[in-house]
Amino acid sequence: MLKQFLQYKLSQKLSPQQIQLMKLIELPTQAFEQRLKQELEENPALESGKEQEDNYEDEFQTNDMDGQEISAEDINLDDYLSDDEIPEYRLNTNNHSVDDEQKTMPFASGSSFTQLLINQLNTFSLDKDQYKIAEFLIGSIDDSGYIRRPLLDIMDDLAFTQNFFTDEKTIESALKIVHQLDPAGVGARNLQECLALQLLRKTQTANTSLAKDIINSGFDQFTKKHYQKLIQKFDVTELQLRDAVLEIERLNPKPGSSFSNNTRSIEHVVPDFTISIVEGELELTLNGRNAPELHVSQPYNEMLKGYKASKEKTKSQKEAVLFIKQKLDAAKWFIDAIKQRQQTLFVTMSTIMYYQENYFLTGDEQQLRPMILKDVADKIEMDISTVSRVANSKYVDTPYGTKLIKEFFSESMTNDKGEEVSTREIKSILETIIGEENKKKPLTDEKLALLLKEKGYPIARRTIAKYREQLDLPVARLRKEI
């Protein structure tokens, strides 16, 4: 049986303006300038530069030809917050966190790595079948310079996609041609083959000869740094082994990256804030590029005045004035949003600066206090997500270099004196200890834990391992040197 009933429900929804404001706060300086340029191009009622603003809000309540007022309810915000019929925020999915980083795909011009290799291939005298296989192999090379797929799979791909049937031996022969291309080591199927190919190109000496033997028949012991086993296996001295290992360390484990990195767009960091020390006091300034001078277009404002002054108001005039009002409303909202963005950025960074005052005065990372997003959010009485947007993609120019703001955030732990210290301080000490250790006998995580405990930081071995991995430092065995 069908029933009708009335249900009241209280829900909180973000308005289109709030969504746009959050996006503005999230943008770093360069992206913000692009967004500003886009808005200036799309909204003729918004202009840049200094100009005396009139209060056009008084002119908005204009009478139409029937004596009715044109109110804000007549305006659909979606018409000017998006270029499409459906606004952008309605097309976005909700299956992600509000704090997800916004990423864009950079484009770079120039010859690709694949094209560079094909150009070299054209200098070889090959028959039609050899060229086709070699070209397909080049297309299978990744950005690091490796062919990751087995030759049997490549043989099947040639049959299915190119209708070209061959055998593994023929592909192996074509691969040897690819191995002759530059950079040395390109087309290798694994690291061992990559290093071996590069050693073949080097001038043959005692060091390179021993290095080739190590790669070809002692690669497993070499990767695990079992140097004593290598000395016994090849019957060489420690000095000879050291010279051979240095020869191997000069090789490029990723031959393709040296070229592929050149085609990537260069990212320039533009600090959003500047912190300076003036007479022993911290001074914070917001990058002027984040504070543009905008005003509402005077000609558009005059159009509204002209409409109000006109005695005869046609339907087309009413439609025109509705359009003008939309653009003026959008311009005023955008100017207000920019001001709110400036205030949010400044207040948030100012709080972070004074929270970490000792660090900014000294530059000593050990002076960094434990600080999480909630600490700042509580002080400025804003949401944690707002602080996250400010900290995640903004940079600050300090007397000690340009820093990413989120680097100032860290968890806390208690030392043996009962004081709360930042994990950044502990990581800094850990990095110093590892940097000064004897590389012939590197310290294990257990010994590192004991040393930190002696310094007043009682930390478990597994925590040491976690911090070491975060610092991108290998285990003791892999830090060993001859």
Protein backbone atom coordinates (compact mmCIF):
# COMPACT_ATOMS: atom_id res chain seq x y z
CA MET A 1 0.00 0.00 0.00
CA LEU A 2 1.42 3.38 -1.05
CA LYS A 3 1.53 6.17 1.51
CA GLN A 4 2.45 9.80 1.29
CA PHE A 5 4.18 11.51 4.16
CA LEU A 6 6.24 14.64 4.80
CA GLN A 7 9.77 14.29 6.13
CA TYR A 8 12.02 17.09 7.36
CA LYS A 9 15.73 16.65 6.90
CA LEU A 10 18.55 18.97 7.94
CA SER A 11 21.54 18.81 5.59
CA GLN A 12 24.55 21.00 4.91
CA LYS A 13 25.55 21.74 1.34
CA LEU A 14 28.33 23.90 -0.04
CA SER A 15 27.20 26.71 -2.26
CA PRO A 16 28.88 27.17 -5.67
CA GLN A 17 30.66 30.23 -4.31
CA GLN A 18 32.09 28.27 -1.35
CA ILE A 19 33.34 25.55 -3.68
CA GLN A 20 35.02 28.12 -5.92
CA LEU A 21 36.57 29.84 -2.88
CA MET A 22 38.05 26.56 -1.62
CA LYS A 23 39.58 26.00 -5.04
CA LEU A 24 41.08 29.51 -5.00
CA ILE A 25 42.64 28.97 -1.56
CA GLU A 26 44.18 25.71 -2.73
CA LEU A 27 45.94 27.26 -5.73
CA PRO A 28 49.64 28.21 -5.49
CA THR A 29 50.79 31.56 -6.89
CA GLN A 30 51.36 30.58 -10.53
CA ALA A 31 48.13 28.57 -10.81
CA PHE A 32 46.26 31.43 -9.12
CA GLU A 33 47.57 33.90 -11.72
CA GLN A 34 46.30 31.62 -14.51
CA ARG A 35 42.89 31.41 -12.81
CA LEU A 36 42.83 35.19 -12.47
CA LYS A 37 43.69 35.64 -16.14
CA GLN A 38 40.93 33.22 -17.11
CA GLU A 39 38.35 35.12 -15.04
CA LEU A 40 39.39 38.45 -16.57
CA GLU A 41 38.97 36.99 -20.05
CA GLU A 42 35.58 35.43 -19.33
CA ASN A 43 33.98 38.27 -17.38
CA PRO A 44 34.01 41.66 -19.17
CA ALA A 45 32.63 43.32 -16.03
CA LEU A 46 35.88 42.53 -14.18
CA GLU A 47 38.95 44.66 -14.82
CA SER A 48 42.46 44.83 -13.38
CA GLY A 49 44.35 47.88 -12.21
CA LYS A 50 43.55 50.83 -9.99
CA GLU A 51 40.25 52.61 -10.46
CA GLN A 52 37.79 54.24 -8.13
CA GLU A 53 34.94 51.83 -7.53
CA ASP A 54 31.35 52.96 -7.49
CA ASN A 55 28.90 51.18 -5.27
CA TYR A 56 26.86 49.58 -8.01
CA GLU A 57 24.79 47.59 -5.52
CA ASP A 58 22.47 50.61 -5.16
CA GLU A 59 21.78 50.46 -8.87
CA PHE A 60 20.89 46.77 -8.93
CA GLN A 61 17.33 47.15 -7.75
CA THR A 62 16.14 48.54 -11.08
CA ASN A 63 12.55 48.62 -12.20
CA ASP A 64 11.52 46.83 -15.32
CA MET A 65 8.80 47.96 -17.73
CA ASP A 66 6.08 46.44 -15.51
CA GLY A 67 7.28 48.16 -12.38
CA GLN A 68 8.72 44.90 -11.02
CA GLU A 69 12.16 44.73 -9.46
CA ILE A 70 15.04 42.65 -10.85
CA SER A 71 16.15 40.79 -7.78
CA ALA A 72 18.99 38.35 -7.10
CA GLU A 73 16.47 35.48 -7.21
CA ASP A 74 16.16 36.09 -10.96
CA ILE A 75 19.83 35.24 -11.40
CA ASN A 76 21.07 31.71 -11.82
CA LEU A 77 24.55 31.48 -10.32
CA ASP A 78 25.37 28.52 -12.54
CA ASP A 79 25.16 30.75 -15.61
CA TYR A 80 28.34 32.60 -14.73
CA LEU A 81 30.19 30.17 -12.47
CA SER A 82 30.64 27.78 -15.39
CA ASP A 83 30.98 28.09 -19.13
CA ASP A 84 28.91 24.98 -19.72
CA GLU A 85 25.19 24.44 -19.29
CA ILE A 86 25.98 22.16 -16.34
CA PRO A 87 28.36 23.69 -13.77
CA GLU A 88 31.66 21.96 -13.16
CA TYR A 89 30.98 21.10 -9.52
CA ARG A 90 27.96 19.00 -10.58
CA LEU A 91 30.11 16.93 -12.93
CA ASN A 92 32.73 16.05 -10.31
CA THR A 93 32.57 12.70 -8.56
CA ASN A 94 32.46 12.51 -4.78
CA ASN A 95 34.47 9.33 -4.32
CA HIS A 96 37.60 11.16 -3.17
CA SER A 97 38.81 13.10 -0.20
CA VAL A 98 38.36 16.86 -0.17
CA ASP A 99 42.09 17.12 0.58
CA ASP A 100 43.20 15.18 -2.48
CA GLU A 101 45.97 17.00 -4.32
CA GLN A 102 44.89 18.55 -7.61
CA LYS A 103 47.25 17.38 -10.34
CA THR A 104 47.56 18.49 -13.92
CA MET A 105 49.40 16.78 -16.73
CA PRO A 106 52.32 18.86 -18.02
CA PHE A 107 53.08 18.91 -21.72
CA ALA A 108 56.53 19.27 -23.22
CA SER A 109 57.58 19.74 -26.81
CA GLY A 110 60.54 18.21 -28.61
CA SER A 111 61.61 14.84 -29.93
CA SER A 112 60.61 11.86 -27.84
CA PHE A 113 63.04 9.26 -26.55
CA THR A 114 61.52 6.71 -28.94
CA GLN A 115 62.00 9.01 -31.93
CA LEU A 116 65.65 9.57 -30.97
CA LEU A 117 66.26 5.82 -31.03
CA ILE A 118 64.43 5.36 -34.33
CA ASN A 119 66.55 8.11 -35.89
CA GLN A 120 69.65 6.16 -34.86
CA LEU A 121 68.14 2.93 -36.19
CA ASN A 122 67.78 4.54 -39.61
CA THR A 123 71.58 4.71 -39.86
CA PHE A 124 71.84 0.89 -39.87
CA SER A 125 71.61 -1.21 -43.05
CA LEU A 126 68.77 -3.57 -42.20
CA ASP A 127 66.37 -5.60 -44.29
CA LYS A 128 62.63 -4.94 -44.03
CA ASP A 129 61.94 -7.66 -41.43
CA GLN A 130 64.87 -6.72 -39.19
CA TYR A 131 63.88 -3.07 -39.24
CA LYS A 132 60.27 -3.88 -38.38
CA ILE A 133 61.27 -6.03 -35.39
CA ALA A 134 63.87 -3.52 -34.15
CA GLU A 135 61.37 -0.67 -34.47
CA PHE A 136 58.81 -2.65 -32.47
CA LEU A 137 61.42 -3.37 -29.79
CA ILE A 138 62.22 0.34 -29.55
CA GLY A 139 58.51 1.01 -29.06
CA SER A 140 58.58 -1.42 -26.12
CA ILE A 141 61.34 0.50 -24.29
CA ASP A 142 60.11 2.38 -21.21
CA ASP A 143 61.27 5.79 -19.95
CA SER A 144 64.10 4.19 -17.96
CA GLY A 145 65.51 2.57 -21.10
CA TYR A 146 64.46 -1.02 -20.36
CA ILE A 147 62.41 -3.64 -22.20
CA ARG A 148 60.39 -5.11 -19.35
CA ARG A 149 58.41 -7.71 -21.31
CA PRO A 150 59.68 -11.20 -22.24
CA LEU A 151 60.65 -11.72 -25.89
CA LEU A 152 57.97 -14.42 -26.22
CA ASP A 153 55.29 -11.83 -25.36
CA ILE A 154 56.78 -9.43 -27.90
CA MET A 155 56.69 -12.20 -30.49
CA ASP A 156 52.98 -12.70 -29.80
CA ASP A 157 52.36 -8.95 -30.00
CA LEU A 158 54.01 -8.81 -33.41
CA ALA A 159 51.74 -11.59 -34.62
CA PHE A 160 48.50 -10.13 -33.23
CA THR A 161 49.04 -6.40 -33.79
CA GLN A 162 51.33 -6.32 -36.83
CA ASN A 163 50.35 -9.62 -38.47
CA PHE A 164 54.08 -10.36 -38.53
CA PHE A 165 55.19 -13.88 -37.62
CA THR A 166 58.74 -14.55 -36.46
CA ASP A 167 60.63 -16.56 -33.84
CA GLU A 168 62.40 -15.71 -30.59
CA LYS A 169 65.87 -16.20 -32.11
CA THR A 170 65.21 -13.57 -34.80
CA ILE A 171 63.93 -11.12 -32.17
CA GLU A 172 67.05 -11.79 -30.10
CA SER A 173 69.17 -10.91 -33.14
CA ALA A 174 67.25 -7.63 -33.65
CA LEU A 175 67.64 -6.85 -29.94
CA LYS A 176 71.43 -6.96 -30.31
CA ILE A 177 71.10 -4.18 -32.90
CA VAL A 178 69.02 -2.10 -30.46
CA HIS A 179 71.73 -2.63 -27.84
CA GLN A 180 74.16 -0.76 -30.11
CA LEU A 181 72.09 2.44 -29.91
CA ASP A 182 72.86 5.35 -27.58
CA PRO A 183 72.69 5.84 -24.69
CA ALA A 184 74.69 2.75 -23.75
CA GLY A 185 72.60 0.10 -22.01
CA VAL A 186 69.33 1.00 -23.71
CA GLY A 187 67.07 -1.95 -24.50
CA ALA A 188 68.36 -4.06 -21.60
CA ARG A 189 65.92 -6.49 -20.03
CA ASN A 190 67.25 -6.10 -16.49
CA LEU A 191 69.82 -4.16 -14.47
CA GLN A 192 72.50 -6.80 -14.83
CA GLU A 193 72.30 -6.73 -18.63
CA CYS A 194 72.16 -2.91 -18.62
CA LEU A 195 75.42 -2.60 -16.64
CA ALA A 196 77.11 -5.32 -18.73
CA LEU A 197 76.24 -3.49 -21.97
CA GLN A 198 77.72 -0.26 -20.66
CA LEU A 199 80.94 -1.98 -19.56
CA LEU A 200 81.36 -3.40 -23.08
CA ARG A 201 81.52 0.16 -24.44
CA LYS A 202 84.29 1.18 -22.03
CA THR A 203 88.00 1.02 -22.72
CA GLN A 204 89.19 -2.35 -21.50
CA THR A 205 91.41 -2.10 -18.43
CA ALA A 206 92.06 -4.30 -15.40
CA ASN A 207 89.30 -2.48 -13.51
CA THR A 208 86.68 -2.84 -16.27
CA SER A 209 87.64 -6.49 -16.81
CA LEU A 210 87.10 -7.28 -13.13
CA ALA A 211 83.90 -5.18 -13.13
CA LYS A 212 82.54 -7.27 -16.05
CA ASP A 213 83.36 -10.50 -14.21
CA ILE A 214 81.56 -9.20 -11.10
CA ILE A 215 78.45 -8.25 -13.11
CA ASN A 216 78.37 -11.45 -15.15
CA SER A 217 79.15 -14.05 -12.48
CA GLY A 218 79.00 -12.30 -9.12
CA PHE A 219 76.04 -9.96 -9.49
CA ASP A 220 74.06 -11.42 -6.58
CA GLN A 221 76.96 -10.99 -4.13
CA PHE A 222 77.59 -7.49 -5.49
CA THR A 223 73.98 -6.31 -4.95
CA LYS A 224 74.05 -7.68 -1.41
CA LYS A 225 77.49 -6.10 -0.80
CA HIS A 226 79.10 -9.37 0.21
CA TYR A 227 82.55 -8.00 -0.58
CA GLN A 228 84.54 -10.69 1.22
CA LYS A 229 82.87 -13.38 -0.90
CA LEU A 230 83.77 -11.43 -4.06
CA ILE A 231 87.40 -11.10 -2.93
CA GLN A 232 87.60 -14.86 -2.40
CA LYS A 233 85.75 -15.72 -5.59
CA PHE A 234 87.88 -13.63 -7.94
CA ASP A 235 91.09 -13.88 -5.88
CA VAL A 236 91.72 -10.13 -5.80
CA THR A 237 92.81 -7.64 -3.18
CA GLU A 238 90.47 -5.27 -1.38
CA LEU A 239 91.96 -2.33 -3.28
CA GLN A 240 91.35 -4.03 -6.66
CA LEU A 241 87.77 -4.78 -5.70
CA ARG A 242 87.22 -1.20 -4.57
CA ASP A 243 88.43 0.15 -7.94
CA ALA A 244 86.15 -2.28 -9.82
CA VAL A 245 83.16 -1.34 -7.66
CA LEU A 246 83.84 2.37 -8.30
CA GLU A 247 83.88 1.57 -12.02
CA ILE A 248 80.43 -0.02 -11.71
CA GLU A 249 79.06 2.85 -9.60
CA ARG A 250 79.94 5.29 -12.40
CA LEU A 251 77.50 3.48 -14.74
CA ASN A 252 73.95 4.68 -15.34
CA PRO A 253 71.32 2.23 -14.03
CA LYS A 254 68.58 4.08 -15.94
CA PRO A 255 70.01 5.03 -19.35
CA GLY A 256 66.69 6.33 -20.67
CA SER A 257 66.09 8.79 -17.83
CA SER A 258 68.98 11.03 -18.91
CA PHE A 259 67.03 11.89 -22.06
CA SER A 260 63.43 11.63 -20.89
CA ASN A 261 64.07 14.13 -18.08
CA ASN A 262 65.08 16.74 -20.68
CA THR A 263 61.61 16.66 -22.26
CA ARG A 264 59.75 17.35 -19.03
CA SER A 265 58.49 20.81 -18.30
CA ILE A 266 60.54 22.67 -15.71
CA GLU A 267 58.61 23.59 -12.60
CA HIS A 268 59.54 26.96 -11.12
CA VAL A 269 58.74 27.44 -7.46
CA VAL A 270 57.27 30.84 -6.68
CA PRO A 271 57.10 31.49 -2.91
CA ASP A 272 53.65 32.56 -1.72
CA PHE A 273 55.08 34.18 1.43
CA THR A 274 58.31 35.76 2.59
CA ILE A 275 59.56 35.62 6.16
CA SER A 276 62.35 38.00 7.09
CA ILE A 277 64.02 38.97 10.36
CA VAL A 278 63.89 42.71 11.06
CA GLU A 279 65.69 43.88 14.22
CA GLY A 280 65.31 40.45 15.78
CA GLU A 281 61.58 40.22 15.01
CA LEU A 282 59.85 38.05 12.40
CA GLU A 283 58.08 39.83 9.57
CA LEU A 284 55.67 38.07 7.21
CA THR A 285 54.67 39.37 3.78
CA LEU A 286 52.35 37.88 1.20
CA ASN A 287 53.66 37.70 -2.36
CA GLY A 288 52.23 40.69 -4.22
CA ARG A 289 51.22 38.41 -7.08
CA ASN A 290 48.62 36.94 -4.70
CA ALA A 291 47.10 40.37 -4.13
CA PRO A 292 46.02 41.71 -7.54
CA GLU A 293 44.20 45.03 -7.95
CA LEU A 294 40.75 44.35 -9.37
CA HIS A 295 37.70 46.52 -9.83
CA VAL A 296 34.26 46.39 -11.40
CA SER A 297 34.02 47.73 -14.95
CA GLN A 298 32.71 51.31 -14.97
CA PRO A 299 31.07 51.00 -18.43
CA TYR A 300 29.00 48.05 -17.21
CA ASN A 301 27.97 50.03 -14.16
CA GLU A 302 26.94 52.93 -16.41
CA MET A 303 24.78 50.55 -18.45
CA LEU A 304 22.72 49.76 -15.36
CA LYS A 305 22.33 53.46 -14.59
CA GLY A 306 21.23 54.08 -18.16
CA TYR A 307 18.62 51.34 -17.92
CA LYS A 308 17.21 52.84 -14.73
CA ALA A 309 17.08 56.32 -16.26
CA SER A 310 15.36 55.19 -19.47
CA LYS A 311 11.59 55.72 -19.61
CA GLU A 312 10.77 52.97 -22.09
CA LYS A 313 12.00 49.50 -21.09
CA THR A 314 11.62 46.77 -23.67
CA LYS A 315 11.86 43.04 -23.13
CA SER A 316 15.25 42.90 -24.85
CA GLN A 317 16.51 45.66 -22.54
CA LYS A 318 15.40 43.65 -19.52
CA GLU A 319 17.27 40.57 -20.78
CA ALA A 320 20.36 42.68 -21.39
CA VAL A 321 20.29 44.18 -17.92
CA LEU A 322 19.87 40.71 -16.38
CA PHE A 323 23.03 39.65 -18.19
CA ILE A 324 24.87 42.77 -17.02
CA LYS A 325 23.74 42.19 -13.44
CA GLN A 326 24.98 38.61 -13.58
CA LYS A 327 28.41 39.72 -14.71
CA LEU A 328 28.60 42.51 -12.14
CA ASP A 329 27.55 40.15 -9.35
CA ALA A 330 30.15 37.63 -10.51
CA ALA A 331 32.83 40.34 -10.62
CA LYS A 332 32.04 41.58 -7.14
CA TRP A 333 31.95 38.04 -5.76
CA PHE A 334 35.32 37.24 -7.36
CA ILE A 335 36.90 40.39 -5.89
CA ASP A 336 35.53 39.48 -2.45
CA ALA A 337 36.79 35.90 -2.86
CA ILE A 338 40.28 37.14 -3.68
CA LYS A 339 40.28 39.30 -0.54
CA GLN A 340 39.07 36.38 1.55
CA ARG A 341 41.78 34.19 0.01
CA GLN A 342 44.45 36.74 0.91
CA GLN A 343 43.18 36.98 4.48
CA THR A 344 43.01 33.19 4.90
CA LEU A 345 46.53 32.70 3.55
CA PHE A 346 48.01 35.46 5.70
CA VAL A 347 46.28 34.44 8.94
CA THR A 348 47.20 30.77 8.49
CA MET A 349 50.85 31.43 7.66
CA SER A 350 51.15 34.01 10.42
CA THR A 351 49.95 31.43 12.94
CA ILE A 352 52.42 28.85 11.63
CA MET A 353 55.25 31.41 11.76
CA TYR A 354 54.69 32.32 15.40
CA TYR A 355 54.09 28.70 16.34
CA GLN A 356 57.54 27.87 14.93
CA GLU A 357 59.13 31.19 15.96
CA ASN A 358 62.30 29.60 17.39
CA TYR A 359 62.98 27.79 14.13
CA PHE A 360 62.47 30.84 11.91
CA LEU A 361 64.77 32.90 14.13
CA THR A 362 67.58 30.33 14.22
CA GLY A 363 67.13 28.04 11.21
CA ASP A 364 67.86 25.04 13.44
CA GLU A 365 65.53 22.17 12.55
CA GLN A 366 65.88 20.85 16.08
CA GLN A 367 63.93 23.95 17.18
CA LEU A 368 60.84 22.83 15.24
CA ARG A 369 57.95 22.24 17.60
CA PRO A 370 55.53 19.36 17.11
CA MET A 371 52.64 20.76 15.09
CA ILE A 372 49.69 19.17 13.35
CA LEU A 373 46.92 20.69 11.23
CA LYS A 374 44.51 20.75 14.16
CA ASP A 375 46.87 22.95 16.21
CA VAL A 376 46.74 25.69 13.58
CA ALA A 377 43.04 25.19 12.80
CA ASP A 378 42.11 25.64 16.46
CA LYS A 379 44.10 28.88 16.75
CA ILE A 380 42.60 30.52 13.64
CA GLU A 381 39.17 28.94 14.23
CA MET A 382 38.96 27.44 10.77
CA ASP A 383 38.42 23.95 9.45
CA ILE A 384 41.35 21.52 9.24
CA SER A 385 40.72 21.07 5.51
CA THR A 386 41.27 24.83 4.97
CA VAL A 387 44.64 24.69 6.74
CA SER A 388 45.54 21.63 4.68
CA ARG A 389 44.78 23.49 1.45
CA VAL A 390 47.03 26.35 2.47
CA ALA A 391 49.90 24.14 3.66
CA ASN A 392 49.87 21.45 0.99
CA SER A 393 50.95 23.40 -2.09
CA LYS A 394 52.34 26.72 -0.83
CA TYR A 395 55.96 27.76 -0.38
CA VAL A 396 57.55 30.30 1.94
CA ASP A 397 60.84 32.13 1.35
CA THR A 398 62.82 32.12 4.59
CA PRO A 399 66.35 33.34 5.45
CA TYR A 400 67.31 29.65 5.26
CA GLY A 401 65.87 28.84 1.84
CA THR A 402 62.50 28.30 0.20
CA LYS A 403 60.47 25.71 2.11
CA LEU A 404 57.23 23.85 1.48
CA ILE A 405 54.87 24.86 4.28
CA LYS A 406 53.72 21.32 5.02
CA GLU A 407 57.32 20.48 6.00
CA PHE A 408 56.82 22.46 9.21
CA PHE A 409 54.17 19.99 10.38
CA SER A 410 55.27 16.96 12.36
CA GLU A 411 54.06 14.61 15.06
CA SER A 412 55.38 14.64 18.60
CA MET A 413 56.98 12.21 21.00
CA THR A 414 58.18 12.45 24.58
CA ASN A 415 61.87 12.37 25.47
CA ASP A 416 63.36 11.01 28.70
CA LYS A 417 62.74 14.38 30.39
CA GLY A 418 59.02 14.23 29.69
CA GLU A 419 59.23 17.01 27.09
CA GLU A 420 57.41 16.83 23.78
CA VAL A 421 59.80 16.98 20.83
CA SER A 422 59.17 16.95 17.10
CA THR A 423 59.81 13.82 15.08
CA ARG A 424 61.64 16.12 12.62
CA GLU A 425 64.23 16.76 15.33
CA ILE A 426 64.73 13.02 15.86
CA LYS A 427 65.03 12.37 12.12
CA SER A 428 67.63 15.13 11.85
CA ILE A 429 69.71 13.55 14.62
CA LEU A 430 69.29 10.10 13.08
CA GLU A 431 70.43 11.37 9.69
CA THR A 432 73.50 13.00 11.28
CA ILE A 433 74.47 9.79 13.12
CA ILE A 434 74.18 7.71 9.95
CA GLY A 435 76.13 10.30 7.96
CA GLU A 436 79.02 10.18 10.47
CA GLU A 437 79.11 6.37 10.94
CA ASN A 438 81.98 4.16 9.84
CA LYS A 439 80.83 2.92 6.42
CA LYS A 440 82.95 -0.21 6.75
CA LYS A 441 80.88 -1.16 9.79
CA PRO A 442 77.54 0.69 9.46
CA LEU A 443 75.25 0.85 12.45
CA THR A 444 72.26 -1.48 12.61
CA ASP A 445 68.82 -0.20 13.58
CA GLU A 446 69.27 -1.73 17.03
CA LYS A 447 72.54 0.15 17.59
CA LEU A 448 70.96 3.35 16.29
CA ALA A 449 68.15 2.93 18.82
CA LEU A 450 70.72 2.58 21.62
CA LEU A 451 72.60 5.71 20.50
CA LEU A 452 69.39 7.76 20.38
CA LYS A 453 68.42 6.45 23.80
CA GLU A 454 71.76 7.71 25.14
CA LYS A 455 70.91 11.13 23.68
CA GLY A 456 67.60 11.13 25.55
CA TYR A 457 65.25 9.76 22.89
CA PRO A 458 63.87 6.36 23.94
CA ILE A 459 62.72 4.99 20.57
CA ALA A 460 61.96 1.40 19.61
CA ARG A 461 63.97 -0.31 16.87
CA ARG A 462 60.92 -0.60 14.57
CA THR A 463 60.39 3.17 14.91
CA ILE A 464 64.01 3.74 13.92
CA ALA A 465 63.41 1.58 10.85
CA LYS A 466 60.33 3.63 9.95
CA TYR A 467 62.17 6.96 10.28
CA ARG A 468 65.14 5.61 8.31
CA GLU A 469 62.85 4.56 5.45
CA GLN A 470 61.18 7.99 5.49
CA LEU A 471 64.64 9.54 5.14
CA ASP A 472 65.28 7.19 2.19
CA LEU A 473 68.27 5.59 3.91
CA PRO A 474 69.00 1.89 3.27
CA VAL A 475 69.61 -0.79 5.90
CA ALA A 476 73.08 -1.16 7.41
CA ARG A 477 74.13 -3.93 5.01
CA LEU A 478 73.44 -1.75 1.97
CA ARG A 479 75.26 1.24 3.46
CA LYS A 480 78.48 -0.76 3.71
CA GLU A 481 81.48 0.44 1.72
CA ILE A 482 84.91 -1.11 1.15
